[in-house]
Every structure is written in C-alpha cells, then in structure tokens.
Amino acid sequence: MPLAFIVPETTIHGAGESALFALGEAAPCLLLTLGITKAIEQESLDLAVLGSIDGVAWSRLAAFPQKFYTGVSSLALDLAKHPETRFLRAQWKLNRWGRGEKTPLFTVYLAAETS
C-alpha cells in the first residue's frame, strides 16, 4: 500500500474519530505515522487505531503513547493478528489543563503505508 492518510492534516479541539478508511489489499504489516504539526501548552492527545470487519463493530488494534508536543512518531500495526480487518478508523481524546482557555488545540495527521 502506498502512503495513504487515515486522517489528513486536521485541526482538532475535542474528542472525535476519523472517517472510515478501507484497507483494500493491504499488506499484513502497516507503518502508522502520527504527525503533530501544531499544539499549545498544557494539553495531551491520546490516539487509538480501531479495526472493523464490517464498518459497524469496532475494536482497538493499537494506540500511540500519550502525546503533548509537536513531532512525528511511528507505530507498526501487525494485521496478521487481525486478518479479517477490512477497515480502520482513528479515535482521539484531548485534555487541557492550567490557566486560560480550556479548549485544546492540536493539528494532526495519521498516515499508513506498507511496512
């Protein structure tokens, strides 16, 4: 699978999830790359990758460690352990603490490619 975006670069302000991403003929192992291009201080991002057979029922396949700052990190997703998976979706939760505005703000992308 060539590089494809599960989440194109998007600014998020709260919990949410991406659109359904069809795997097609994906290889048994994908390299997921999470990019955070903008963040403000005193906030966190938790991002998990969910898988589905039918696009209706979802289960958690992987999660990135909690993030606080801009940067790029990668995670291998072994689909051989979940061969029936046909769809992926990203799901995220944000948290903000401290003084000032309590609305979090991250600009992120999530890409997948054959590993």
N, C-alpha and C. Protein backbone atom coordinates (compact mmCIF):
# COMPACT_ATOMS: atom_id res chain seq x y z
N MET A 1 0.84 -1.17 0.00
CA MET A 1 0.00 0.00 0.00
C MET A 1 0.89 1.24 0.00
N PRO A 2 0.71 2.12 -0.95
CA PRO A 2 1.47 3.38 -0.91
C PRO A 2 0.97 4.24 0.25
N LEU A 3 1.69 5.27 0.56
CA LEU A 3 1.31 6.17 1.65
C LEU A 3 -0.12 6.67 1.44
N ALA A 4 -0.95 6.52 2.48
CA ALA A 4 -2.33 6.97 2.44
C ALA A 4 -2.66 7.60 3.79
N PHE A 5 -3.53 8.59 3.79
CA PHE A 5 -3.87 9.29 5.02
C PHE A 5 -5.18 8.77 5.60
N ILE A 6 -5.09 8.23 6.80
CA ILE A 6 -6.29 7.85 7.56
C ILE A 6 -6.94 9.14 8.06
N VAL A 7 -6.10 10.06 8.52
CA VAL A 7 -6.54 11.39 8.93
C VAL A 7 -5.67 12.40 8.17
N PRO A 8 -6.23 13.10 7.19
CA PRO A 8 -5.44 14.16 6.56
C PRO A 8 -5.18 15.26 7.59
N GLU A 9 -4.22 16.12 7.34
CA GLU A 9 -3.89 17.15 8.33
C GLU A 9 -5.16 17.93 8.71
N THR A 10 -5.46 17.89 10.01
CA THR A 10 -6.72 18.41 10.53
C THR A 10 -6.47 19.06 11.88
N THR A 11 -7.15 20.16 12.16
CA THR A 11 -7.10 20.77 13.48
C THR A 11 -8.27 20.24 14.29
N ILE A 12 -7.97 19.73 15.48
CA ILE A 12 -9.00 19.15 16.35
C ILE A 12 -9.02 19.91 17.67
N HIS A 13 -10.22 20.00 18.25
CA HIS A 13 -10.42 20.75 19.50
C HIS A 13 -11.05 19.89 20.59
N GLY A 14 -11.38 18.65 20.30
CA GLY A 14 -12.02 17.79 21.28
C GLY A 14 -11.99 16.35 20.80
N ALA A 15 -12.62 15.50 21.58
CA ALA A 15 -12.67 14.08 21.25
C ALA A 15 -13.36 13.88 19.90
N GLY A 16 -12.94 12.85 19.19
CA GLY A 16 -13.56 12.57 17.90
C GLY A 16 -12.97 11.34 17.25
N GLU A 17 -13.37 11.13 16.01
CA GLU A 17 -12.87 10.00 15.25
C GLU A 17 -12.84 10.36 13.78
N SER A 18 -12.02 9.63 13.07
CA SER A 18 -11.87 9.87 11.63
C SER A 18 -12.98 9.17 10.87
N ALA A 19 -13.02 9.47 9.59
CA ALA A 19 -13.90 8.74 8.69
C ALA A 19 -13.36 7.32 8.54
N LEU A 20 -14.19 6.44 8.07
CA LEU A 20 -13.82 5.06 7.81
C LEU A 20 -12.75 5.01 6.72
N PHE A 21 -11.73 4.18 6.92
CA PHE A 21 -10.64 4.03 5.96
C PHE A 21 -10.62 2.58 5.50
N ALA A 22 -10.90 2.34 4.22
CA ALA A 22 -10.92 0.98 3.67
C ALA A 22 -9.49 0.52 3.39
N LEU A 23 -9.14 -0.66 3.86
CA LEU A 23 -7.79 -1.18 3.69
C LEU A 23 -7.53 -1.71 2.29
N GLY A 24 -8.51 -2.27 1.64
CA GLY A 24 -8.27 -2.87 0.33
C GLY A 24 -7.34 -4.07 0.48
N GLU A 25 -6.35 -4.16 -0.37
CA GLU A 25 -5.38 -5.27 -0.35
C GLU A 25 -4.13 -4.86 0.43
N ALA A 26 -4.31 -4.51 1.68
CA ALA A 26 -3.18 -4.06 2.50
C ALA A 26 -2.26 -5.22 2.85
N ALA A 27 -1.00 -4.92 3.04
CA ALA A 27 -0.01 -5.90 3.48
C ALA A 27 -0.30 -6.28 4.92
N PRO A 28 0.27 -7.40 5.39
CA PRO A 28 -0.01 -7.83 6.77
C PRO A 28 0.57 -6.91 7.84
N CYS A 29 1.45 -5.99 7.47
CA CYS A 29 2.01 -5.08 8.46
C CYS A 29 2.02 -3.66 7.89
N LEU A 30 1.45 -2.74 8.65
CA LEU A 30 1.41 -1.34 8.23
C LEU A 30 2.26 -0.50 9.18
N LEU A 31 2.86 0.52 8.64
CA LEU A 31 3.56 1.50 9.45
C LEU A 31 2.65 2.71 9.54
N LEU A 32 2.21 3.02 10.77
CA LEU A 32 1.35 4.17 11.01
C LEU A 32 2.22 5.32 11.48
N THR A 33 2.03 6.50 10.90
CA THR A 33 2.81 7.67 11.27
C THR A 33 1.87 8.77 11.73
N LEU A 34 2.03 9.18 12.99
CA LEU A 34 1.26 10.26 13.58
C LEU A 34 2.12 11.52 13.56
N GLY A 35 1.63 12.55 12.91
CA GLY A 35 2.32 13.82 12.89
C GLY A 35 1.50 14.86 13.63
N ILE A 36 2.15 15.58 14.52
CA ILE A 36 1.51 16.69 15.24
C ILE A 36 2.24 17.94 14.78
N THR A 37 1.55 18.78 14.02
CA THR A 37 2.20 19.96 13.46
C THR A 37 1.91 21.23 14.25
N LYS A 38 0.93 21.17 15.14
CA LYS A 38 0.64 22.32 15.99
C LYS A 38 0.05 21.84 17.30
N ALA A 39 0.50 22.44 18.39
CA ALA A 39 -0.01 22.13 19.72
C ALA A 39 0.17 23.35 20.59
N ILE A 40 -0.65 23.46 21.62
CA ILE A 40 -0.46 24.52 22.59
C ILE A 40 -0.04 23.88 23.91
N GLU A 41 0.45 24.69 24.84
CA GLU A 41 0.97 24.12 26.08
C GLU A 41 -0.14 23.58 26.97
N GLN A 42 0.24 22.69 27.84
CA GLN A 42 -0.64 22.10 28.85
C GLN A 42 -1.85 21.39 28.24
N GLU A 43 -1.57 20.48 27.32
CA GLU A 43 -2.63 19.65 26.74
C GLU A 43 -2.05 18.30 26.35
N SER A 44 -2.94 17.32 26.18
CA SER A 44 -2.49 15.98 25.79
C SER A 44 -3.42 15.41 24.72
N LEU A 45 -2.86 14.49 23.96
CA LEU A 45 -3.58 13.79 22.89
C LEU A 45 -3.40 12.29 23.10
N ASP A 46 -4.51 11.56 23.11
CA ASP A 46 -4.49 10.10 23.12
C ASP A 46 -5.14 9.66 21.82
N LEU A 47 -4.40 8.90 21.00
CA LEU A 47 -4.91 8.48 19.70
C LEU A 47 -4.80 6.96 19.58
N ALA A 48 -5.94 6.33 19.28
CA ALA A 48 -6.00 4.88 19.10
C ALA A 48 -6.44 4.58 17.67
N VAL A 49 -6.06 3.41 17.19
CA VAL A 49 -6.47 2.94 15.86
C VAL A 49 -7.41 1.76 16.07
N LEU A 50 -8.59 1.87 15.49
CA LEU A 50 -9.61 0.83 15.61
C LEU A 50 -9.73 0.08 14.30
N GLY A 51 -10.11 -1.19 14.38
CA GLY A 51 -10.30 -2.00 13.20
C GLY A 51 -11.70 -2.59 13.18
N SER A 52 -12.18 -2.90 11.97
CA SER A 52 -13.52 -3.45 11.82
C SER A 52 -13.57 -4.40 10.63
N ILE A 53 -14.41 -5.39 10.74
CA ILE A 53 -14.67 -6.33 9.65
C ILE A 53 -15.71 -5.74 8.70
N ASP A 54 -16.73 -5.08 9.30
CA ASP A 54 -17.89 -4.64 8.53
C ASP A 54 -18.14 -3.13 8.52
N GLY A 55 -17.31 -2.36 9.21
CA GLY A 55 -17.52 -0.92 9.29
C GLY A 55 -18.55 -0.50 10.32
N VAL A 56 -19.06 -1.48 11.09
CA VAL A 56 -20.07 -1.20 12.11
C VAL A 56 -19.52 -1.46 13.51
N ALA A 57 -19.02 -2.66 13.74
CA ALA A 57 -18.45 -3.03 15.04
C ALA A 57 -16.94 -2.79 15.00
N TRP A 58 -16.41 -2.08 16.02
CA TRP A 58 -15.01 -1.68 16.04
C TRP A 58 -14.30 -2.23 17.26
N SER A 59 -13.02 -2.57 17.09
CA SER A 59 -12.19 -2.99 18.22
C SER A 59 -10.84 -2.27 18.13
N ARG A 60 -10.25 -2.05 19.27
CA ARG A 60 -8.98 -1.33 19.34
C ARG A 60 -7.84 -2.25 18.91
N LEU A 61 -7.06 -1.79 17.93
CA LEU A 61 -5.93 -2.58 17.43
C LEU A 61 -4.59 -2.06 17.94
N ALA A 62 -4.48 -0.75 18.13
CA ALA A 62 -3.21 -0.16 18.54
C ALA A 62 -3.47 1.23 19.10
N ALA A 63 -2.49 1.74 19.83
CA ALA A 63 -2.58 3.10 20.35
C ALA A 63 -1.18 3.70 20.45
N PHE A 64 -1.09 4.97 20.14
CA PHE A 64 0.16 5.69 20.32
C PHE A 64 0.29 6.09 21.79
N PRO A 65 1.52 6.18 22.29
CA PRO A 65 1.68 6.73 23.65
C PRO A 65 1.11 8.15 23.69
N GLN A 66 0.67 8.57 24.85
CA GLN A 66 0.10 9.91 25.01
C GLN A 66 1.09 10.97 24.54
N LYS A 67 0.58 11.95 23.80
CA LYS A 67 1.43 13.00 23.21
C LYS A 67 1.08 14.36 23.81
N PHE A 68 2.12 15.21 23.91
CA PHE A 68 1.97 16.54 24.48
C PHE A 68 2.51 17.64 23.58
N TYR A 69 3.37 17.28 22.63
CA TYR A 69 4.11 18.28 21.84
C TYR A 69 4.04 17.96 20.36
N THR A 70 4.52 18.90 19.54
CA THR A 70 4.62 18.65 18.11
C THR A 70 5.71 17.62 17.84
N GLY A 71 5.60 16.95 16.71
CA GLY A 71 6.59 15.95 16.32
C GLY A 71 5.94 14.84 15.52
N VAL A 72 6.77 13.87 15.16
CA VAL A 72 6.33 12.73 14.36
C VAL A 72 6.71 11.45 15.09
N SER A 73 5.79 10.51 15.16
CA SER A 73 6.11 9.20 15.73
C SER A 73 5.44 8.11 14.90
N SER A 74 6.04 6.94 14.93
CA SER A 74 5.54 5.82 14.12
C SER A 74 5.23 4.62 14.99
N LEU A 75 4.36 3.78 14.47
CA LEU A 75 3.91 2.59 15.18
C LEU A 75 3.63 1.51 14.14
N ALA A 76 4.12 0.30 14.37
CA ALA A 76 3.83 -0.82 13.47
C ALA A 76 2.51 -1.46 13.88
N LEU A 77 1.67 -1.73 12.90
CA LEU A 77 0.39 -2.40 13.13
C LEU A 77 0.43 -3.73 12.39
N ASP A 78 0.47 -4.82 13.15
CA ASP A 78 0.55 -6.16 12.58
C ASP A 78 -0.86 -6.68 12.30
N LEU A 79 -1.28 -6.57 11.05
CA LEU A 79 -2.62 -7.03 10.67
C LEU A 79 -2.70 -8.54 10.54
N ALA A 80 -1.58 -9.24 10.57
CA ALA A 80 -1.61 -10.70 10.54
C ALA A 80 -2.33 -11.24 11.78
N LYS A 81 -2.30 -10.48 12.85
CA LYS A 81 -3.01 -10.88 14.08
C LYS A 81 -4.51 -10.62 13.96
N HIS A 82 -4.91 -9.83 12.97
CA HIS A 82 -6.31 -9.48 12.74
C HIS A 82 -6.61 -9.57 11.24
N PRO A 83 -6.49 -10.76 10.64
CA PRO A 83 -6.61 -10.89 9.18
C PRO A 83 -7.98 -10.53 8.61
N GLU A 84 -8.99 -10.57 9.44
CA GLU A 84 -10.35 -10.25 8.98
C GLU A 84 -10.61 -8.74 8.88
N THR A 85 -9.71 -7.92 9.38
CA THR A 85 -9.90 -6.46 9.40
C THR A 85 -9.93 -5.91 7.98
N ARG A 86 -10.98 -5.16 7.66
CA ARG A 86 -11.15 -4.55 6.35
C ARG A 86 -11.15 -3.03 6.40
N PHE A 87 -11.39 -2.47 7.61
CA PHE A 87 -11.49 -1.02 7.75
C PHE A 87 -10.71 -0.57 8.98
N LEU A 88 -10.18 0.65 8.90
CA LEU A 88 -9.52 1.28 10.05
C LEU A 88 -10.20 2.61 10.32
N ARG A 89 -10.03 3.07 11.54
CA ARG A 89 -10.54 4.38 11.96
C ARG A 89 -9.66 4.86 13.11
N ALA A 90 -9.33 6.13 13.12
CA ALA A 90 -8.60 6.72 14.23
C ALA A 90 -9.62 7.31 15.21
N GLN A 91 -9.31 7.20 16.49
CA GLN A 91 -10.17 7.78 17.52
C GLN A 91 -9.27 8.51 18.50
N TRP A 92 -9.64 9.73 18.87
CA TRP A 92 -8.78 10.52 19.75
C TRP A 92 -9.56 11.16 20.87
N LYS A 93 -8.80 11.44 21.95
CA LYS A 93 -9.30 12.17 23.11
C LYS A 93 -8.26 13.24 23.43
N LEU A 94 -8.74 14.41 23.78
CA LEU A 94 -7.86 15.52 24.13
C LEU A 94 -8.13 15.96 25.56
N ASN A 95 -7.11 16.51 26.19
CA ASN A 95 -7.25 17.04 27.54
C ASN A 95 -6.44 18.32 27.63
N ARG A 96 -6.96 19.31 28.33
CA ARG A 96 -6.25 20.57 28.54
C ARG A 96 -6.41 20.97 29.99
N TRP A 97 -5.37 21.50 30.57
CA TRP A 97 -5.39 21.91 31.97
C TRP A 97 -4.63 23.24 32.11
N GLY A 98 -4.63 23.77 33.30
CA GLY A 98 -3.90 25.01 33.55
C GLY A 98 -4.77 26.24 33.44
N ARG A 99 -4.14 27.39 33.29
CA ARG A 99 -4.85 28.66 33.22
C ARG A 99 -5.31 28.96 31.80
N GLY A 100 -6.20 29.93 31.70
CA GLY A 100 -6.62 30.39 30.38
C GLY A 100 -7.68 29.52 29.74
N GLU A 101 -7.78 29.64 28.43
CA GLU A 101 -8.76 28.90 27.64
C GLU A 101 -8.60 27.40 27.85
N LYS A 102 -9.70 26.72 28.09
CA LYS A 102 -9.66 25.28 28.38
C LYS A 102 -9.87 24.41 27.14
N THR A 103 -10.06 25.03 25.97
CA THR A 103 -10.27 24.25 24.75
C THR A 103 -8.92 23.82 24.18
N PRO A 104 -8.70 22.51 24.05
CA PRO A 104 -7.44 22.04 23.47
C PRO A 104 -7.38 22.32 21.98
N LEU A 105 -6.16 22.29 21.44
CA LEU A 105 -5.96 22.50 20.02
C LEU A 105 -4.73 21.72 19.57
N PHE A 106 -4.96 20.79 18.67
CA PHE A 106 -3.87 20.05 18.02
C PHE A 106 -4.15 20.06 16.53
N THR A 107 -3.10 20.17 15.73
CA THR A 107 -3.22 19.93 14.29
C THR A 107 -2.41 18.66 14.03
N VAL A 108 -3.10 17.64 13.50
CA VAL A 108 -2.51 16.30 13.38
C VAL A 108 -2.79 15.70 12.01
N TYR A 109 -2.02 14.67 11.70
CA TYR A 109 -2.32 13.79 10.57
C TYR A 109 -1.94 12.37 10.98
N LEU A 110 -2.56 11.39 10.35
CA LEU A 110 -2.23 9.99 10.57
C LEU A 110 -2.12 9.32 9.20
N ALA A 111 -0.94 8.82 8.89
CA ALA A 111 -0.70 8.18 7.61
C ALA A 111 -0.41 6.69 7.81
N ALA A 112 -0.70 5.90 6.79
CA ALA A 112 -0.42 4.46 6.81
C ALA A 112 0.29 4.09 5.52
N GLU A 113 1.24 3.18 5.62
CA GLU A 113 1.92 2.65 4.44
C GLU A 113 2.39 1.23 4.76
N THR A 114 2.65 0.48 3.72
CA THR A 114 3.15 -0.88 3.89
C THR A 114 4.51 -0.83 4.54
N SER A 115 4.70 -1.70 5.52
CA SER A 115 5.97 -1.73 6.24
C SER A 115 6.82 -2.87 5.74
